[in-house]
Amino acid sequence: MSEALERRLGRVLTVGTRLSTAVLALGLAVTFALPGSPHLAHALLTAGLLVLLLTPVARVAVSVVGYVGERDWWFVLYTGIVLALLIASFVAAFA
C-alpha cells in the first residue's frame, strides 16, 4: 500500500469520525436545548450513527479505488468482496 493511499484512508476515517461526532453532539444538544422538537433530535442522532456506520464502508470503497490505481488486482478482488459483503449486509438490515 502506498503512502498516498494510507494518507487518503486516514483522512476518510478522520473526517467520518469527526463528522459523526459533530452530528451526534448536535443531536444531543438539541435534545436538551429544545425538548419540544424530538423529531429533529432523533433525525440528527440517527444521521450521526449512520455516518459512523458508513465510515468503514467509505474506507473500503476508497481502498478499492486506490488498489485499482496501484494495479494491485489481488487486493482489488479482496477489498471488492469485503465491500460487496458490507453493502449486502446494509441492504439486508434495512430491507
N, C-alpha and C. Protein backbone atom coordinates (compact mmCIF):
# COMPACT_ATOMS: atom_id res chain seq x y z
N MET A 1 0.86 -1.18 0.00
CA MET A 1 0.00 0.00 0.00
C MET A 1 0.89 1.23 0.00
N SER A 2 0.58 2.15 -0.88
CA SER A 2 1.40 3.35 -1.00
C SER A 2 1.11 4.32 0.15
N GLU A 3 2.04 5.20 0.36
CA GLU A 3 1.89 6.19 1.43
C GLU A 3 0.74 7.15 1.12
N ALA A 4 0.55 7.47 -0.16
CA ALA A 4 -0.56 8.36 -0.53
C ALA A 4 -1.91 7.72 -0.23
N LEU A 5 -2.03 6.43 -0.51
CA LEU A 5 -3.28 5.72 -0.21
C LEU A 5 -3.51 5.66 1.30
N GLU A 6 -2.47 5.42 2.05
CA GLU A 6 -2.60 5.40 3.51
C GLU A 6 -3.07 6.76 4.04
N ARG A 7 -2.54 7.85 3.48
CA ARG A 7 -2.98 9.19 3.89
C ARG A 7 -4.45 9.42 3.54
N ARG A 8 -4.86 8.99 2.35
CA ARG A 8 -6.26 9.14 1.95
C ARG A 8 -7.19 8.36 2.88
N LEU A 9 -6.80 7.14 3.20
CA LEU A 9 -7.61 6.32 4.10
C LEU A 9 -7.68 6.95 5.49
N GLY A 10 -6.59 7.50 5.95
CA GLY A 10 -6.58 8.18 7.23
C GLY A 10 -7.51 9.38 7.24
N ARG A 11 -7.52 10.13 6.12
CA ARG A 11 -8.42 11.29 6.01
C ARG A 11 -9.88 10.86 6.01
N VAL A 12 -10.18 9.78 5.30
CA VAL A 12 -11.57 9.28 5.26
C VAL A 12 -12.03 8.92 6.67
N LEU A 13 -11.20 8.19 7.40
CA LEU A 13 -11.58 7.79 8.75
C LEU A 13 -11.68 9.00 9.69
N THR A 14 -10.76 9.95 9.55
CA THR A 14 -10.78 11.14 10.40
C THR A 14 -12.02 11.98 10.14
N VAL A 15 -12.30 12.23 8.87
CA VAL A 15 -13.47 13.04 8.51
C VAL A 15 -14.75 12.34 8.94
N GLY A 16 -14.86 11.05 8.69
CA GLY A 16 -16.06 10.32 9.08
C GLY A 16 -16.29 10.34 10.57
N THR A 17 -15.22 10.13 11.33
CA THR A 17 -15.35 10.12 12.79
C THR A 17 -15.71 11.50 13.32
N ARG A 18 -15.04 12.52 12.82
CA ARG A 18 -15.33 13.89 13.29
C ARG A 18 -16.72 14.34 12.89
N LEU A 19 -17.13 14.00 11.68
CA LEU A 19 -18.47 14.39 11.23
C LEU A 19 -19.54 13.69 12.06
N SER A 20 -19.37 12.40 12.30
CA SER A 20 -20.37 11.69 13.10
C SER A 20 -20.40 12.22 14.53
N THR A 21 -19.24 12.54 15.08
CA THR A 21 -19.19 13.11 16.43
C THR A 21 -19.91 14.45 16.49
N ALA A 22 -19.68 15.29 15.48
CA ALA A 22 -20.33 16.61 15.46
C ALA A 22 -21.84 16.48 15.33
N VAL A 23 -22.31 15.60 14.47
CA VAL A 23 -23.75 15.44 14.27
C VAL A 23 -24.40 14.83 15.52
N LEU A 24 -23.72 13.86 16.13
CA LEU A 24 -24.25 13.26 17.36
C LEU A 24 -24.29 14.29 18.50
N ALA A 25 -23.24 15.11 18.60
CA ALA A 25 -23.23 16.15 19.64
C ALA A 25 -24.33 17.17 19.40
N LEU A 26 -24.55 17.52 18.14
CA LEU A 26 -25.63 18.45 17.81
C LEU A 26 -26.98 17.84 18.17
N GLY A 27 -27.16 16.58 17.87
CA GLY A 27 -28.41 15.90 18.23
C GLY A 27 -28.62 15.86 19.72
N LEU A 28 -27.55 15.63 20.47
CA LEU A 28 -27.65 15.63 21.93
C LEU A 28 -27.97 17.02 22.46
N ALA A 29 -27.33 18.03 21.87
CA ALA A 29 -27.60 19.41 22.29
C ALA A 29 -29.05 19.79 22.00
N VAL A 30 -29.56 19.40 20.84
CA VAL A 30 -30.96 19.69 20.51
C VAL A 30 -31.89 18.98 21.47
N THR A 31 -31.53 17.77 21.87
CA THR A 31 -32.36 17.02 22.82
C THR A 31 -32.56 17.80 24.11
N PHE A 32 -31.48 18.40 24.61
CA PHE A 32 -31.57 19.13 25.88
C PHE A 32 -32.03 20.57 25.72
N ALA A 33 -31.63 21.23 24.64
CA ALA A 33 -31.95 22.65 24.46
C ALA A 33 -33.36 22.87 23.94
N LEU A 34 -33.83 21.95 23.11
CA LEU A 34 -35.16 22.09 22.51
C LEU A 34 -35.97 20.83 22.78
N PRO A 35 -36.42 20.64 24.00
CA PRO A 35 -37.14 19.39 24.31
C PRO A 35 -38.46 19.25 23.55
N GLY A 36 -38.95 20.33 22.97
CA GLY A 36 -40.20 20.27 22.22
C GLY A 36 -40.05 19.80 20.79
N SER A 37 -38.81 19.50 20.38
CA SER A 37 -38.62 19.05 18.99
C SER A 37 -37.88 17.70 18.97
N PRO A 38 -38.58 16.65 19.39
CA PRO A 38 -37.91 15.35 19.44
C PRO A 38 -37.61 14.77 18.05
N HIS A 39 -38.37 15.20 17.05
CA HIS A 39 -38.13 14.66 15.70
C HIS A 39 -36.80 15.14 15.15
N LEU A 40 -36.47 16.41 15.39
CA LEU A 40 -35.18 16.95 14.93
C LEU A 40 -34.03 16.25 15.65
N ALA A 41 -34.15 16.09 16.95
CA ALA A 41 -33.10 15.42 17.72
C ALA A 41 -32.92 13.98 17.24
N HIS A 42 -34.03 13.30 17.04
CA HIS A 42 -33.97 11.91 16.57
C HIS A 42 -33.32 11.83 15.19
N ALA A 43 -33.67 12.75 14.31
CA ALA A 43 -33.09 12.75 12.96
C ALA A 43 -31.58 12.99 13.02
N LEU A 44 -31.15 13.92 13.86
CA LEU A 44 -29.72 14.21 13.97
C LEU A 44 -28.96 13.03 14.58
N LEU A 45 -29.51 12.43 15.61
CA LEU A 45 -28.85 11.29 16.23
C LEU A 45 -28.77 10.10 15.27
N THR A 46 -29.84 9.89 14.52
CA THR A 46 -29.84 8.81 13.53
C THR A 46 -28.81 9.09 12.43
N ALA A 47 -28.75 10.33 11.97
CA ALA A 47 -27.77 10.70 10.94
C ALA A 47 -26.35 10.52 11.45
N GLY A 48 -26.10 10.89 12.69
CA GLY A 48 -24.76 10.71 13.27
C GLY A 48 -24.36 9.25 13.33
N LEU A 49 -25.29 8.40 13.74
CA LEU A 49 -25.00 6.97 13.79
C LEU A 49 -24.80 6.39 12.40
N LEU A 50 -25.59 6.87 11.45
CA LEU A 50 -25.44 6.39 10.07
C LEU A 50 -24.08 6.77 9.49
N VAL A 51 -23.65 8.01 9.75
CA VAL A 51 -22.32 8.43 9.29
C VAL A 51 -21.25 7.56 9.94
N LEU A 52 -21.41 7.28 11.22
CA LEU A 52 -20.45 6.44 11.92
C LEU A 52 -20.40 5.03 11.33
N LEU A 53 -21.55 4.48 10.99
CA LEU A 53 -21.60 3.14 10.39
C LEU A 53 -21.05 3.12 8.97
N LEU A 54 -21.24 4.20 8.23
CA LEU A 54 -20.80 4.23 6.84
C LEU A 54 -19.32 4.59 6.68
N THR A 55 -18.69 5.08 7.73
CA THR A 55 -17.27 5.45 7.64
C THR A 55 -16.38 4.27 7.25
N PRO A 56 -16.50 3.10 7.87
CA PRO A 56 -15.66 1.98 7.42
C PRO A 56 -16.00 1.53 6.00
N VAL A 57 -17.25 1.67 5.59
CA VAL A 57 -17.64 1.31 4.23
C VAL A 57 -16.94 2.25 3.24
N ALA A 58 -16.92 3.54 3.58
CA ALA A 58 -16.22 4.51 2.73
C ALA A 58 -14.73 4.19 2.66
N ARG A 59 -14.17 3.75 3.78
CA ARG A 59 -12.75 3.39 3.78
C ARG A 59 -12.48 2.23 2.84
N VAL A 60 -13.33 1.23 2.85
CA VAL A 60 -13.15 0.08 1.96
C VAL A 60 -13.32 0.51 0.50
N ALA A 61 -14.30 1.38 0.23
CA ALA A 61 -14.51 1.86 -1.14
C ALA A 61 -13.29 2.64 -1.63
N VAL A 62 -12.74 3.49 -0.79
CA VAL A 62 -11.53 4.23 -1.17
C VAL A 62 -10.37 3.27 -1.37
N SER A 63 -10.31 2.22 -0.57
CA SER A 63 -9.26 1.20 -0.75
C SER A 63 -9.37 0.53 -2.11
N VAL A 64 -10.58 0.18 -2.51
CA VAL A 64 -10.78 -0.46 -3.81
C VAL A 64 -10.26 0.45 -4.92
N VAL A 65 -10.65 1.70 -4.88
CA VAL A 65 -10.21 2.66 -5.91
C VAL A 65 -8.70 2.82 -5.87
N GLY A 66 -8.14 2.89 -4.67
CA GLY A 66 -6.68 3.04 -4.55
C GLY A 66 -5.93 1.84 -5.09
N TYR A 67 -6.43 0.65 -4.79
CA TYR A 67 -5.77 -0.55 -5.30
C TYR A 67 -5.91 -0.69 -6.81
N VAL A 68 -7.02 -0.22 -7.36
CA VAL A 68 -7.15 -0.21 -8.83
C VAL A 68 -6.08 0.71 -9.42
N GLY A 69 -5.91 1.88 -8.78
CA GLY A 69 -4.89 2.82 -9.25
C GLY A 69 -3.48 2.25 -9.16
N GLU A 70 -3.24 1.42 -8.16
CA GLU A 70 -1.93 0.79 -8.00
C GLU A 70 -1.82 -0.50 -8.81
N ARG A 71 -2.90 -0.92 -9.43
CA ARG A 71 -2.96 -2.15 -10.22
C ARG A 71 -2.60 -3.38 -9.38
N ASP A 72 -3.06 -3.37 -8.14
CA ASP A 72 -2.86 -4.50 -7.24
C ASP A 72 -4.14 -5.32 -7.26
N TRP A 73 -4.24 -6.20 -8.25
CA TRP A 73 -5.50 -6.85 -8.56
C TRP A 73 -5.98 -7.82 -7.48
N TRP A 74 -5.06 -8.45 -6.76
CA TRP A 74 -5.49 -9.34 -5.69
C TRP A 74 -6.19 -8.55 -4.59
N PHE A 75 -5.62 -7.40 -4.24
CA PHE A 75 -6.26 -6.59 -3.21
C PHE A 75 -7.54 -5.94 -3.71
N VAL A 76 -7.62 -5.64 -5.02
CA VAL A 76 -8.89 -5.17 -5.59
C VAL A 76 -9.95 -6.25 -5.39
N LEU A 77 -9.59 -7.48 -5.68
CA LEU A 77 -10.53 -8.60 -5.52
C LEU A 77 -10.96 -8.74 -4.05
N TYR A 78 -10.00 -8.76 -3.14
CA TYR A 78 -10.32 -8.96 -1.72
C TYR A 78 -11.16 -7.82 -1.17
N THR A 79 -10.73 -6.59 -1.43
CA THR A 79 -11.49 -5.46 -0.88
C THR A 79 -12.83 -5.31 -1.59
N GLY A 80 -12.90 -5.71 -2.85
CA GLY A 80 -14.18 -5.70 -3.56
C GLY A 80 -15.17 -6.67 -2.94
N ILE A 81 -14.67 -7.83 -2.55
CA ILE A 81 -15.53 -8.81 -1.87
C ILE A 81 -16.01 -8.26 -0.53
N VAL A 82 -15.10 -7.66 0.22
CA VAL A 82 -15.48 -7.08 1.51
C VAL A 82 -16.50 -5.97 1.31
N LEU A 83 -16.30 -5.13 0.31
CA LEU A 83 -17.25 -4.05 0.03
C LEU A 83 -18.62 -4.61 -0.35
N ALA A 84 -18.63 -5.64 -1.18
CA ALA A 84 -19.90 -6.26 -1.57
C ALA A 84 -20.62 -6.85 -0.35
N LEU A 85 -19.88 -7.48 0.54
CA LEU A 85 -20.48 -8.04 1.75
C LEU A 85 -21.03 -6.95 2.67
N LEU A 86 -20.29 -5.86 2.81
CA LEU A 86 -20.77 -4.75 3.63
C LEU A 86 -22.05 -4.15 3.06
N ILE A 87 -22.07 -3.94 1.76
CA ILE A 87 -23.26 -3.38 1.11
C ILE A 87 -24.44 -4.34 1.24
N ALA A 88 -24.19 -5.62 1.03
CA ALA A 88 -25.25 -6.62 1.15
C ALA A 88 -25.80 -6.67 2.57
N SER A 89 -24.94 -6.52 3.57
CA SER A 89 -25.44 -6.54 4.95
C SER A 89 -26.26 -5.31 5.26
N PHE A 90 -25.89 -4.15 4.71
CA PHE A 90 -26.71 -2.96 4.90
C PHE A 90 -28.07 -3.11 4.22
N VAL A 91 -28.06 -3.64 3.03
CA VAL A 91 -29.31 -3.84 2.29
C VAL A 91 -30.21 -4.81 3.06
N ALA A 92 -29.62 -5.90 3.54
CA ALA A 92 -30.40 -6.89 4.29
C ALA A 92 -30.93 -6.31 5.60
N ALA A 93 -30.14 -5.47 6.24
CA ALA A 93 -30.55 -4.90 7.54
C ALA A 93 -31.69 -3.88 7.38
N PHE A 94 -31.66 -3.12 6.29
CA PHE A 94 -32.65 -2.06 6.11
C PHE A 94 -33.78 -2.43 5.19
N ALA A 95 -33.79 -3.64 4.67
CA ALA A 95 -34.86 -4.07 3.77
C ALA A 95 -36.05 -4.60 4.53
